[in-house]
Amino acid sequence: MIQMLGAVAPLAKILFNTIEKSVPDKDLQEKLKSQLQTQLLQSNTAELQAAAKIVEAEAKAGWFAASWRPLLMYVLIFILVWNYVLGPVILFFFKAVITIQLPGDVWTLLQIGLGGYVVGRSAESVARTMANRPANKEQENG
């Protein structure tokens, strides 16, 4: 989804510039830009809702279906520990090289997975903190 937003932003900028150059009426320009922005937001909202439904369906499907992403990350982290922590120790003591080669795409997957996990957990923590925060006295007094 984030990649989709990143891909749409340059397109939206081009469209806004095109509207500014081809429509002389400033009010009509603003109206067209507003409509375009609304359409882009609605399409992104629909994509996010679809993604949320997929995650919800996985969670309802059972433990294994809900846990495959974390399990994959655990396997990849084990490979990292094996290659860069245990591997050098084995090499030092036993003079044997035992490593697991990872293709470049797997490194990318690991970076995205860990990054998504960290961002997701951070957002979850912030949301929990905001939900449990007592109301501000100024807001209570209106």
N, C-alpha and C. Protein backbone atom coordinates (compact mmCIF):
# COMPACT_ATOMS: atom_id res chain seq x y z
N MET A 1 0.82 -1.18 0.00
CA MET A 1 0.00 0.00 0.00
C MET A 1 0.87 1.25 0.00
N ILE A 2 1.91 1.26 0.81
CA ILE A 2 2.79 2.42 0.87
C ILE A 2 3.40 2.65 -0.52
N GLN A 3 3.79 1.57 -1.19
CA GLN A 3 4.36 1.72 -2.52
C GLN A 3 3.34 2.33 -3.46
N MET A 4 2.06 1.95 -3.30
CA MET A 4 1.01 2.49 -4.16
C MET A 4 0.89 3.99 -3.93
N LEU A 5 0.90 4.42 -2.67
CA LEU A 5 0.81 5.85 -2.39
C LEU A 5 2.00 6.59 -2.99
N GLY A 6 3.18 5.99 -2.88
CA GLY A 6 4.37 6.61 -3.45
C GLY A 6 4.30 6.70 -4.97
N ALA A 7 3.67 5.72 -5.60
CA ALA A 7 3.55 5.73 -7.06
C ALA A 7 2.49 6.73 -7.53
N VAL A 8 1.47 6.96 -6.73
CA VAL A 8 0.38 7.85 -7.11
C VAL A 8 0.77 9.32 -6.94
N ALA A 9 1.61 9.62 -5.97
CA ALA A 9 1.96 11.01 -5.68
C ALA A 9 2.57 11.75 -6.89
N PRO A 10 3.55 11.18 -7.59
CA PRO A 10 4.07 11.89 -8.77
C PRO A 10 3.01 12.06 -9.87
N LEU A 11 2.17 11.04 -10.02
CA LEU A 11 1.10 11.13 -11.01
C LEU A 11 0.13 12.25 -10.64
N ALA A 12 -0.23 12.34 -9.38
CA ALA A 12 -1.13 13.40 -8.92
C ALA A 12 -0.50 14.77 -9.17
N LYS A 13 0.79 14.90 -8.91
CA LYS A 13 1.48 16.18 -9.13
C LYS A 13 1.43 16.57 -10.61
N ILE A 14 1.66 15.58 -11.48
CA ILE A 14 1.60 15.84 -12.92
C ILE A 14 0.19 16.27 -13.32
N LEU A 15 -0.81 15.57 -12.81
CA LEU A 15 -2.19 15.91 -13.13
C LEU A 15 -2.56 17.30 -12.61
N PHE A 16 -2.13 17.63 -11.41
CA PHE A 16 -2.40 18.97 -10.86
C PHE A 16 -1.75 20.04 -11.72
N ASN A 17 -0.49 19.81 -12.13
CA ASN A 17 0.20 20.77 -13.00
C ASN A 17 -0.50 20.92 -14.34
N THR A 18 -0.99 19.80 -14.87
CA THR A 18 -1.72 19.84 -16.14
C THR A 18 -3.00 20.64 -16.01
N ILE A 19 -3.69 20.45 -14.91
CA ILE A 19 -4.93 21.21 -14.66
C ILE A 19 -4.61 22.70 -14.59
N GLU A 20 -3.54 23.05 -13.86
CA GLU A 20 -3.17 24.46 -13.72
C GLU A 20 -2.82 25.10 -15.07
N LYS A 21 -2.16 24.33 -15.94
CA LYS A 21 -1.75 24.88 -17.24
C LYS A 21 -2.89 24.94 -18.25
N SER A 22 -3.81 24.00 -18.18
CA SER A 22 -4.84 23.92 -19.23
C SER A 22 -6.18 24.53 -18.85
N VAL A 23 -6.40 24.81 -17.57
CA VAL A 23 -7.68 25.41 -17.15
C VAL A 23 -7.39 26.81 -16.64
N PRO A 24 -7.84 27.84 -17.37
CA PRO A 24 -7.52 29.22 -16.97
C PRO A 24 -8.29 29.68 -15.72
N ASP A 25 -9.47 29.18 -15.49
CA ASP A 25 -10.31 29.61 -14.37
C ASP A 25 -9.78 29.01 -13.06
N LYS A 26 -9.35 29.88 -12.14
CA LYS A 26 -8.77 29.42 -10.87
C LYS A 26 -9.78 28.63 -10.03
N ASP A 27 -11.03 29.06 -10.00
CA ASP A 27 -12.04 28.34 -9.23
C ASP A 27 -12.27 26.94 -9.78
N LEU A 28 -12.31 26.83 -11.10
CA LEU A 28 -12.49 25.53 -11.74
C LEU A 28 -11.26 24.65 -11.49
N GLN A 29 -10.07 25.26 -11.51
CA GLN A 29 -8.84 24.51 -11.20
C GLN A 29 -8.94 23.87 -9.82
N GLU A 30 -9.30 24.68 -8.83
CA GLU A 30 -9.40 24.18 -7.47
C GLU A 30 -10.46 23.10 -7.34
N LYS A 31 -11.58 23.27 -8.04
CA LYS A 31 -12.65 22.28 -8.00
C LYS A 31 -12.16 20.95 -8.60
N LEU A 32 -11.48 21.01 -9.75
CA LEU A 32 -10.97 19.80 -10.39
C LEU A 32 -9.90 19.12 -9.54
N LYS A 33 -9.01 19.90 -8.95
CA LYS A 33 -7.98 19.34 -8.08
C LYS A 33 -8.61 18.66 -6.87
N SER A 34 -9.61 19.31 -6.30
CA SER A 34 -10.29 18.75 -5.15
C SER A 34 -10.96 17.42 -5.51
N GLN A 35 -11.63 17.38 -6.66
CA GLN A 35 -12.29 16.14 -7.09
C GLN A 35 -11.26 15.03 -7.34
N LEU A 36 -10.14 15.39 -7.96
CA LEU A 36 -9.09 14.41 -8.23
C LEU A 36 -8.52 13.87 -6.92
N GLN A 37 -8.27 14.78 -5.99
CA GLN A 37 -7.72 14.37 -4.70
C GLN A 37 -8.70 13.46 -3.97
N THR A 38 -9.98 13.77 -4.02
CA THR A 38 -11.00 12.93 -3.39
C THR A 38 -11.00 11.53 -4.00
N GLN A 39 -10.91 11.45 -5.32
CA GLN A 39 -10.89 10.15 -6.01
C GLN A 39 -9.66 9.34 -5.61
N LEU A 40 -8.51 9.99 -5.53
CA LEU A 40 -7.28 9.29 -5.14
C LEU A 40 -7.39 8.77 -3.71
N LEU A 41 -7.91 9.58 -2.81
CA LEU A 41 -8.07 9.15 -1.43
C LEU A 41 -9.06 8.00 -1.31
N GLN A 42 -10.14 8.05 -2.06
CA GLN A 42 -11.13 6.98 -2.02
C GLN A 42 -10.54 5.67 -2.53
N SER A 43 -9.76 5.74 -3.59
CA SER A 43 -9.17 4.51 -4.13
C SER A 43 -8.16 3.92 -3.15
N ASN A 44 -7.37 4.78 -2.50
CA ASN A 44 -6.41 4.29 -1.51
C ASN A 44 -7.13 3.72 -0.30
N THR A 45 -8.23 4.33 0.10
CA THR A 45 -9.01 3.83 1.23
C THR A 45 -9.57 2.45 0.90
N ALA A 46 -10.05 2.26 -0.32
CA ALA A 46 -10.59 0.97 -0.73
C ALA A 46 -9.50 -0.11 -0.69
N GLU A 47 -8.28 0.24 -1.13
CA GLU A 47 -7.18 -0.72 -1.08
C GLU A 47 -6.82 -1.08 0.35
N LEU A 48 -6.78 -0.10 1.23
CA LEU A 48 -6.47 -0.37 2.63
C LEU A 48 -7.54 -1.23 3.27
N GLN A 49 -8.81 -0.99 2.95
CA GLN A 49 -9.89 -1.81 3.49
C GLN A 49 -9.77 -3.25 2.99
N ALA A 50 -9.43 -3.42 1.73
CA ALA A 50 -9.25 -4.78 1.20
C ALA A 50 -8.10 -5.49 1.90
N ALA A 51 -7.00 -4.78 2.13
CA ALA A 51 -5.86 -5.37 2.83
C ALA A 51 -6.24 -5.75 4.26
N ALA A 52 -7.01 -4.89 4.92
CA ALA A 52 -7.46 -5.18 6.28
C ALA A 52 -8.34 -6.43 6.31
N LYS A 53 -9.19 -6.60 5.31
CA LYS A 53 -10.04 -7.79 5.24
C LYS A 53 -9.21 -9.06 5.06
N ILE A 54 -8.12 -8.96 4.29
CA ILE A 54 -7.24 -10.11 4.11
C ILE A 54 -6.59 -10.50 5.43
N VAL A 55 -6.08 -9.51 6.15
CA VAL A 55 -5.45 -9.78 7.44
C VAL A 55 -6.46 -10.37 8.41
N GLU A 56 -7.67 -9.82 8.42
CA GLU A 56 -8.73 -10.32 9.30
C GLU A 56 -9.08 -11.77 8.96
N ALA A 57 -9.18 -12.08 7.67
CA ALA A 57 -9.50 -13.45 7.25
C ALA A 57 -8.39 -14.41 7.66
N GLU A 58 -7.12 -13.98 7.53
CA GLU A 58 -6.00 -14.82 7.95
C GLU A 58 -6.07 -15.09 9.45
N ALA A 59 -6.41 -14.07 10.22
CA ALA A 59 -6.48 -14.22 11.67
C ALA A 59 -7.59 -15.20 12.07
N LYS A 60 -8.68 -15.18 11.35
CA LYS A 60 -9.79 -16.07 11.66
C LYS A 60 -9.54 -17.50 11.16
N ALA A 61 -8.60 -17.67 10.24
CA ALA A 61 -8.38 -18.98 9.62
C ALA A 61 -7.66 -19.96 10.53
N GLY A 62 -7.06 -19.47 11.58
CA GLY A 62 -6.37 -20.37 12.50
C GLY A 62 -4.95 -19.91 12.76
N TRP A 63 -4.31 -20.63 13.68
CA TRP A 63 -2.99 -20.25 14.14
C TRP A 63 -1.96 -20.22 13.01
N PHE A 64 -1.92 -21.27 12.20
CA PHE A 64 -0.88 -21.36 11.17
C PHE A 64 -1.04 -20.28 10.11
N ALA A 65 -2.26 -20.06 9.66
CA ALA A 65 -2.49 -19.04 8.63
C ALA A 65 -2.19 -17.65 9.17
N ALA A 66 -2.49 -17.42 10.44
CA ALA A 66 -2.24 -16.10 11.03
C ALA A 66 -0.76 -15.88 11.36
N SER A 67 0.00 -16.96 11.47
CA SER A 67 1.39 -16.86 11.95
C SER A 67 2.44 -17.06 10.88
N TRP A 68 2.06 -17.24 9.64
CA TRP A 68 3.07 -17.57 8.64
C TRP A 68 4.08 -16.45 8.43
N ARG A 69 3.65 -15.19 8.51
CA ARG A 69 4.61 -14.09 8.33
C ARG A 69 5.64 -14.05 9.47
N PRO A 70 5.19 -14.08 10.74
CA PRO A 70 6.19 -14.10 11.81
C PRO A 70 7.10 -15.32 11.74
N LEU A 71 6.55 -16.49 11.39
CA LEU A 71 7.38 -17.69 11.29
C LEU A 71 8.44 -17.54 10.21
N LEU A 72 8.08 -16.97 9.09
CA LEU A 72 9.04 -16.72 8.01
C LEU A 72 10.15 -15.79 8.50
N MET A 73 9.78 -14.76 9.22
CA MET A 73 10.78 -13.83 9.74
C MET A 73 11.71 -14.52 10.74
N TYR A 74 11.16 -15.42 11.58
CA TYR A 74 11.99 -16.16 12.53
C TYR A 74 13.00 -17.04 11.78
N VAL A 75 12.58 -17.69 10.71
CA VAL A 75 13.49 -18.53 9.93
C VAL A 75 14.60 -17.67 9.33
N LEU A 76 14.23 -16.52 8.76
CA LEU A 76 15.24 -15.65 8.16
C LEU A 76 16.21 -15.11 9.21
N ILE A 77 15.70 -14.77 10.37
CA ILE A 77 16.58 -14.28 11.44
C ILE A 77 17.50 -15.40 11.92
N PHE A 78 16.99 -16.63 12.00
CA PHE A 78 17.84 -17.77 12.36
C PHE A 78 18.99 -17.90 11.35
N ILE A 79 18.68 -17.76 10.06
CA ILE A 79 19.72 -17.87 9.03
C ILE A 79 20.76 -16.76 9.23
N LEU A 80 20.32 -15.56 9.55
CA LEU A 80 21.28 -14.47 9.81
C LEU A 80 22.17 -14.79 11.01
N VAL A 81 21.57 -15.26 12.09
CA VAL A 81 22.35 -15.62 13.28
C VAL A 81 23.31 -16.76 12.94
N TRP A 82 22.84 -17.74 12.20
CA TRP A 82 23.69 -18.87 11.82
C TRP A 82 24.89 -18.39 11.00
N ASN A 83 24.63 -17.56 9.99
CA ASN A 83 25.69 -17.13 9.10
C ASN A 83 26.67 -16.15 9.73
N TYR A 84 26.18 -15.26 10.59
CA TYR A 84 27.04 -14.16 11.06
C TYR A 84 27.40 -14.22 12.53
N VAL A 85 26.82 -15.14 13.28
CA VAL A 85 27.21 -15.30 14.69
C VAL A 85 27.79 -16.70 14.91
N LEU A 86 27.00 -17.72 14.64
CA LEU A 86 27.46 -19.08 14.87
C LEU A 86 28.48 -19.53 13.82
N GLY A 87 28.28 -19.11 12.57
CA GLY A 87 29.21 -19.50 11.50
C GLY A 87 30.64 -19.11 11.78
N PRO A 88 30.92 -17.87 12.16
CA PRO A 88 32.31 -17.50 12.48
C PRO A 88 32.88 -18.27 13.68
N VAL A 89 32.03 -18.60 14.66
CA VAL A 89 32.50 -19.39 15.80
C VAL A 89 32.89 -20.79 15.34
N ILE A 90 32.04 -21.41 14.53
CA ILE A 90 32.33 -22.75 14.00
C ILE A 90 33.62 -22.71 13.16
N LEU A 91 33.75 -21.67 12.34
CA LEU A 91 34.95 -21.52 11.52
C LEU A 91 36.20 -21.39 12.39
N PHE A 92 36.11 -20.60 13.45
CA PHE A 92 37.25 -20.37 14.33
C PHE A 92 37.70 -21.66 15.02
N PHE A 93 36.74 -22.40 15.59
CA PHE A 93 37.09 -23.58 16.37
C PHE A 93 37.30 -24.84 15.53
N PHE A 94 36.51 -25.01 14.49
CA PHE A 94 36.54 -26.26 13.74
C PHE A 94 37.06 -26.11 12.31
N LYS A 95 37.37 -24.93 11.89
CA LYS A 95 37.88 -24.65 10.55
C LYS A 95 36.93 -25.18 9.45
N ALA A 96 35.65 -25.13 9.74
CA ALA A 96 34.63 -25.57 8.77
C ALA A 96 33.71 -24.40 8.47
N VAL A 97 33.39 -24.23 7.20
CA VAL A 97 32.50 -23.16 6.78
C VAL A 97 31.14 -23.77 6.48
N ILE A 98 30.16 -23.40 7.27
CA ILE A 98 28.80 -23.89 7.07
C ILE A 98 27.89 -22.67 7.06
N THR A 99 27.56 -22.21 5.88
CA THR A 99 26.67 -21.05 5.76
C THR A 99 25.50 -21.38 4.85
N ILE A 100 24.45 -20.61 5.00
CA ILE A 100 23.25 -20.74 4.16
C ILE A 100 23.21 -19.50 3.28
N GLN A 101 23.28 -19.72 1.98
CA GLN A 101 23.28 -18.59 1.05
C GLN A 101 21.86 -18.08 0.84
N LEU A 102 21.71 -16.76 0.92
CA LEU A 102 20.41 -16.13 0.70
C LEU A 102 20.43 -15.31 -0.59
N PRO A 103 19.49 -15.53 -1.48
CA PRO A 103 19.40 -14.68 -2.67
C PRO A 103 19.08 -13.24 -2.27
N GLY A 104 19.38 -12.30 -3.14
CA GLY A 104 19.14 -10.88 -2.87
C GLY A 104 17.68 -10.58 -2.57
N ASP A 105 16.77 -11.28 -3.23
CA ASP A 105 15.34 -11.05 -2.99
C ASP A 105 14.95 -11.39 -1.56
N VAL A 106 15.62 -12.39 -0.98
CA VAL A 106 15.31 -12.77 0.40
C VAL A 106 15.75 -11.67 1.36
N TRP A 107 16.88 -11.03 1.06
CA TRP A 107 17.32 -9.90 1.88
C TRP A 107 16.30 -8.78 1.84
N THR A 108 15.79 -8.51 0.65
CA THR A 108 14.76 -7.48 0.51
C THR A 108 13.52 -7.84 1.31
N LEU A 109 13.11 -9.10 1.21
CA LEU A 109 11.95 -9.57 1.96
C LEU A 109 12.17 -9.40 3.46
N LEU A 110 13.35 -9.73 3.92
CA LEU A 110 13.67 -9.60 5.34
C LEU A 110 13.62 -8.13 5.77
N GLN A 111 14.16 -7.24 4.96
CA GLN A 111 14.14 -5.82 5.30
C GLN A 111 12.72 -5.29 5.36
N ILE A 112 11.91 -5.66 4.38
CA ILE A 112 10.52 -5.21 4.36
C ILE A 112 9.75 -5.80 5.53
N GLY A 113 9.96 -7.09 5.77
CA GLY A 113 9.26 -7.76 6.87
C GLY A 113 9.59 -7.17 8.23
N LEU A 114 10.88 -7.01 8.49
CA LEU A 114 11.29 -6.44 9.77
C LEU A 114 10.87 -4.97 9.87
N GLY A 115 11.02 -4.22 8.79
CA GLY A 115 10.60 -2.82 8.80
C GLY A 115 9.11 -2.69 9.04
N GLY A 116 8.32 -3.51 8.36
CA GLY A 116 6.87 -3.50 8.55
C GLY A 116 6.49 -3.89 9.96
N TYR A 117 7.19 -4.87 10.52
CA TYR A 117 6.91 -5.30 11.89
C TYR A 117 7.21 -4.18 12.87
N VAL A 118 8.36 -3.55 12.72
CA VAL A 118 8.75 -2.48 13.64
C VAL A 118 7.78 -1.31 13.54
N VAL A 119 7.45 -0.89 12.32
CA VAL A 119 6.52 0.22 12.13
C VAL A 119 5.14 -0.15 12.67
N GLY A 120 4.69 -1.36 12.38
CA GLY A 120 3.37 -1.81 12.85
C GLY A 120 3.29 -1.85 14.36
N ARG A 121 4.33 -2.38 15.00
CA ARG A 121 4.33 -2.45 16.46
C ARG A 121 4.41 -1.04 17.07
N SER A 122 5.17 -0.16 16.44
CA SER A 122 5.25 1.22 16.93
C SER A 122 3.90 1.91 16.82
N ALA A 123 3.24 1.75 15.68
CA ALA A 123 1.92 2.35 15.49
C ALA A 123 0.92 1.78 16.47
N GLU A 124 1.00 0.48 16.72
CA GLU A 124 0.11 -0.16 17.69
C GLU A 124 0.35 0.42 19.09
N SER A 125 1.60 0.60 19.46
CA SER A 125 1.95 1.16 20.76
C SER A 125 1.45 2.60 20.91
N VAL A 126 1.63 3.40 19.86
CA VAL A 126 1.16 4.79 19.89
C VAL A 126 -0.36 4.83 20.00
N ALA A 127 -1.03 3.99 19.23
CA ALA A 127 -2.51 3.96 19.28
C ALA A 127 -2.99 3.56 20.66
N ARG A 128 -2.34 2.56 21.26
CA ARG A 128 -2.73 2.12 22.60
C ARG A 128 -2.50 3.24 23.62
N THR A 129 -1.37 3.94 23.50
CA THR A 129 -1.07 5.04 24.41
C THR A 129 -2.08 6.17 24.26
N MET A 130 -2.42 6.51 23.01
CA MET A 130 -3.39 7.58 22.77
C MET A 130 -4.78 7.20 23.29
N ALA A 131 -5.15 5.93 23.16
CA ALA A 131 -6.47 5.49 23.61
C ALA A 131 -6.58 5.49 25.13
N ASN A 132 -5.46 5.23 25.80
CA ASN A 132 -5.48 5.15 27.27
C ASN A 132 -5.12 6.47 27.94
N ARG A 133 -4.79 7.48 27.14
CA ARG A 133 -4.38 8.78 27.69
C ARG A 133 -5.59 9.49 28.28
N PRO A 134 -5.47 10.03 29.49
CA PRO A 134 -6.61 10.77 30.06
C PRO A 134 -6.89 12.04 29.26
N ALA A 135 -8.14 12.40 29.24
CA ALA A 135 -8.55 13.59 28.48
C ALA A 135 -7.89 14.83 29.07
N ASN A 136 -7.54 15.78 28.23
CA ASN A 136 -6.93 17.02 28.63
C ASN A 136 -7.97 17.88 29.34
N LYS A 137 -7.61 18.54 30.44
CA LYS A 137 -8.56 19.34 31.20
C LYS A 137 -9.14 20.49 30.37
N GLU A 138 -8.34 21.07 29.49
CA GLU A 138 -8.84 22.15 28.63
C GLU A 138 -9.95 21.64 27.72
N GLN A 139 -9.81 20.39 27.22
CA GLN A 139 -10.82 19.81 26.36
C GLN A 139 -12.10 19.52 27.14
N GLU A 140 -11.95 19.12 28.43
CA GLU A 140 -13.11 18.80 29.26
C GLU A 140 -13.94 20.05 29.55
N ASN A 141 -13.25 21.19 29.74
CA ASN A 141 -13.94 22.42 30.09
C ASN A 141 -14.49 23.12 28.86
N GLY A 142 -14.14 22.63 27.68
CA GLY A 142 -14.71 23.08 26.44
C GLY A 142 -14.15 24.29 25.86
